[in-house]
Amino acid sequence: MLKRLPGGEVRNLVSTTPDTAVVFKPAVVQTPAILTVLVFLGRMVAGLVRTLLVHPIAVAVLAVPG
């Protein structure tokens, strides 16, 4: 007996015709847009902090005219 797989049921897994393709659908999780934006902003801030720590002279050269 076949077990149920995540993402949908398996139908006609055993087929006698050679051209029948077995298609497995992945489970799709809906992510709220605000979560995506927050992750993006967090990564951007982390990248800016990392740039400041790795290249302090270059950041200072850019910040002085500002």
N, C-alpha and C. Protein backbone atom coordinates (compact mmCIF):
# COMPACT_ATOMS: atom_id res chain seq x y z
N MET A 1 0.83 -1.17 0.00
CA MET A 1 0.00 0.00 0.00
C MET A 1 0.88 1.25 0.00
N LEU A 2 0.54 2.25 -0.79
CA LEU A 2 1.34 3.47 -0.87
C LEU A 2 0.96 4.42 0.25
N LYS A 3 1.96 5.04 0.84
CA LYS A 3 1.70 6.05 1.86
C LYS A 3 1.46 7.39 1.19
N ARG A 4 0.77 8.26 1.90
CA ARG A 4 0.54 9.61 1.37
C ARG A 4 1.81 10.43 1.52
N LEU A 5 2.16 11.16 0.48
CA LEU A 5 3.35 11.99 0.49
C LEU A 5 2.94 13.45 0.64
N PRO A 6 3.80 14.30 1.22
CA PRO A 6 3.46 15.72 1.34
C PRO A 6 3.35 16.38 -0.03
N GLY A 7 2.38 17.27 -0.16
CA GLY A 7 2.21 18.00 -1.40
C GLY A 7 1.10 17.47 -2.29
N GLY A 8 0.52 16.39 -1.96
CA GLY A 8 -0.58 15.86 -2.75
C GLY A 8 -0.57 14.35 -2.77
N GLU A 9 -1.64 13.80 -3.23
CA GLU A 9 -1.74 12.34 -3.27
C GLU A 9 -1.07 11.79 -4.52
N VAL A 10 -0.58 10.60 -4.39
CA VAL A 10 0.02 9.93 -5.54
C VAL A 10 -1.08 9.12 -6.20
N ARG A 11 -1.35 9.41 -7.43
CA ARG A 11 -2.38 8.69 -8.16
C ARG A 11 -1.74 7.98 -9.34
N ASN A 12 -2.15 6.77 -9.55
CA ASN A 12 -1.67 5.97 -10.68
C ASN A 12 -0.14 5.90 -10.71
N LEU A 13 0.44 5.60 -9.56
CA LEU A 13 1.90 5.52 -9.50
C LEU A 13 2.41 4.37 -10.36
N VAL A 14 1.68 3.27 -10.36
CA VAL A 14 2.05 2.14 -11.19
C VAL A 14 1.22 2.22 -12.46
N SER A 15 1.90 2.31 -13.58
CA SER A 15 1.21 2.48 -14.84
C SER A 15 1.76 1.47 -15.84
N THR A 16 0.90 1.06 -16.74
CA THR A 16 1.33 0.12 -17.77
C THR A 16 1.76 0.83 -19.05
N THR A 17 1.48 2.13 -19.15
CA THR A 17 1.88 2.86 -20.34
C THR A 17 3.23 3.51 -20.11
N PRO A 18 4.14 3.45 -21.08
CA PRO A 18 5.49 3.98 -20.86
C PRO A 18 5.57 5.50 -20.87
N ASP A 19 4.57 6.21 -21.41
CA ASP A 19 4.67 7.66 -21.52
C ASP A 19 4.03 8.39 -20.34
N THR A 20 3.56 7.69 -19.34
CA THR A 20 2.94 8.33 -18.19
C THR A 20 4.03 8.81 -17.23
N ALA A 21 4.04 10.10 -16.97
CA ALA A 21 5.04 10.68 -16.07
C ALA A 21 4.48 10.74 -14.66
N VAL A 22 5.32 10.47 -13.69
CA VAL A 22 4.94 10.61 -12.29
C VAL A 22 5.33 12.00 -11.85
N VAL A 23 4.36 12.77 -11.38
CA VAL A 23 4.60 14.16 -11.00
C VAL A 23 4.36 14.30 -9.51
N PHE A 24 5.36 14.80 -8.80
CA PHE A 24 5.22 15.08 -7.38
C PHE A 24 5.16 16.59 -7.20
N LYS A 25 4.13 17.08 -6.55
CA LYS A 25 3.98 18.51 -6.32
C LYS A 25 4.56 18.87 -4.96
N PRO A 26 5.41 19.89 -4.91
CA PRO A 26 5.97 20.28 -3.61
C PRO A 26 4.93 21.00 -2.75
N ALA A 27 5.10 20.91 -1.46
CA ALA A 27 4.22 21.63 -0.55
C ALA A 27 4.60 23.11 -0.58
N VAL A 28 3.64 23.97 -0.85
CA VAL A 28 3.89 25.40 -0.95
C VAL A 28 3.38 26.07 0.31
N VAL A 29 4.26 26.82 0.96
CA VAL A 29 3.88 27.53 2.18
C VAL A 29 3.76 29.01 1.84
N GLN A 30 2.61 29.60 2.10
CA GLN A 30 2.40 31.01 1.83
C GLN A 30 3.09 31.84 2.91
N THR A 31 4.00 32.73 2.51
CA THR A 31 4.72 33.58 3.45
C THR A 31 4.13 34.98 3.39
N PRO A 32 3.81 35.55 4.54
CA PRO A 32 3.29 36.93 4.53
C PRO A 32 4.33 37.91 3.99
N ALA A 33 3.87 38.93 3.28
CA ALA A 33 4.77 39.89 2.64
C ALA A 33 5.59 40.66 3.68
N ILE A 34 4.99 40.98 4.83
CA ILE A 34 5.71 41.75 5.84
C ILE A 34 6.90 40.96 6.36
N LEU A 35 6.77 39.65 6.46
CA LEU A 35 7.89 38.82 6.91
C LEU A 35 9.03 38.85 5.89
N THR A 36 8.68 38.81 4.62
CA THR A 36 9.68 38.87 3.56
C THR A 36 10.41 40.21 3.58
N VAL A 37 9.67 41.30 3.78
CA VAL A 37 10.27 42.63 3.82
C VAL A 37 11.18 42.77 5.04
N LEU A 38 10.74 42.25 6.19
CA LEU A 38 11.56 42.33 7.40
C LEU A 38 12.86 41.54 7.26
N VAL A 39 12.79 40.37 6.63
CA VAL A 39 14.01 39.58 6.41
C VAL A 39 14.95 40.33 5.47
N PHE A 40 14.39 40.93 4.43
CA PHE A 40 15.22 41.70 3.49
C PHE A 40 15.89 42.87 4.19
N LEU A 41 15.14 43.62 5.00
CA LEU A 41 15.71 44.76 5.70
C LEU A 41 16.77 44.32 6.72
N GLY A 42 16.51 43.22 7.40
CA GLY A 42 17.49 42.71 8.35
C GLY A 42 18.79 42.32 7.68
N ARG A 43 18.69 41.68 6.53
CA ARG A 43 19.90 41.31 5.80
C ARG A 43 20.64 42.54 5.29
N MET A 44 19.89 43.58 4.88
CA MET A 44 20.51 44.79 4.40
C MET A 44 21.27 45.50 5.53
N VAL A 45 20.66 45.59 6.70
CA VAL A 45 21.33 46.22 7.85
C VAL A 45 22.56 45.41 8.25
N ALA A 46 22.44 44.10 8.26
CA ALA A 46 23.60 43.25 8.60
C ALA A 46 24.73 43.45 7.59
N GLY A 47 24.39 43.59 6.31
CA GLY A 47 25.41 43.84 5.30
C GLY A 47 26.09 45.18 5.47
N LEU A 48 25.30 46.21 5.85
CA LEU A 48 25.89 47.53 6.08
C LEU A 48 26.82 47.52 7.29
N VAL A 49 26.42 46.83 8.36
CA VAL A 49 27.27 46.73 9.54
C VAL A 49 28.54 45.96 9.21
N ARG A 50 28.40 44.87 8.46
CA ARG A 50 29.56 44.07 8.07
C ARG A 50 30.52 44.90 7.21
N THR A 51 29.98 45.71 6.30
CA THR A 51 30.81 46.58 5.47
C THR A 51 31.55 47.60 6.33
N LEU A 52 30.87 48.16 7.32
CA LEU A 52 31.50 49.13 8.21
C LEU A 52 32.65 48.51 8.99
N LEU A 53 32.46 47.26 9.42
CA LEU A 53 33.50 46.60 10.21
C LEU A 53 34.68 46.14 9.35
N VAL A 54 34.41 45.71 8.13
CA VAL A 54 35.47 45.18 7.28
C VAL A 54 36.24 46.30 6.57
N HIS A 55 35.53 47.37 6.19
CA HIS A 55 36.16 48.45 5.42
C HIS A 55 35.91 49.81 6.10
N PRO A 56 36.46 50.04 7.27
CA PRO A 56 36.15 51.29 7.98
C PRO A 56 36.72 52.54 7.30
N ILE A 57 37.88 52.43 6.65
CA ILE A 57 38.47 53.60 6.00
C ILE A 57 37.65 54.01 4.78
N ALA A 58 37.23 53.04 3.99
CA ALA A 58 36.42 53.35 2.80
C ALA A 58 35.08 53.96 3.20
N VAL A 59 34.49 53.47 4.29
CA VAL A 59 33.22 54.04 4.76
C VAL A 59 33.45 55.46 5.26
N ALA A 60 34.58 55.68 5.94
CA ALA A 60 34.88 57.03 6.44
C ALA A 60 35.10 58.00 5.28
N VAL A 61 35.77 57.56 4.22
CA VAL A 61 36.00 58.41 3.07
C VAL A 61 34.68 58.80 2.42
N LEU A 62 33.73 57.91 2.38
CA LEU A 62 32.42 58.20 1.82
C LEU A 62 31.57 59.04 2.77
N ALA A 63 31.74 58.89 4.08
CA ALA A 63 30.90 59.58 5.05
C ALA A 63 31.36 61.02 5.29
N VAL A 64 32.64 61.30 5.14
CA VAL A 64 33.15 62.64 5.44
C VAL A 64 32.52 63.72 4.55
N PRO A 65 32.42 63.53 3.24
CA PRO A 65 31.77 64.56 2.43
C PRO A 65 30.28 64.74 2.77
N GLY A 66 29.67 63.66 3.26
CA GLY A 66 28.24 63.74 3.62
C GLY A 66 28.05 64.48 4.90
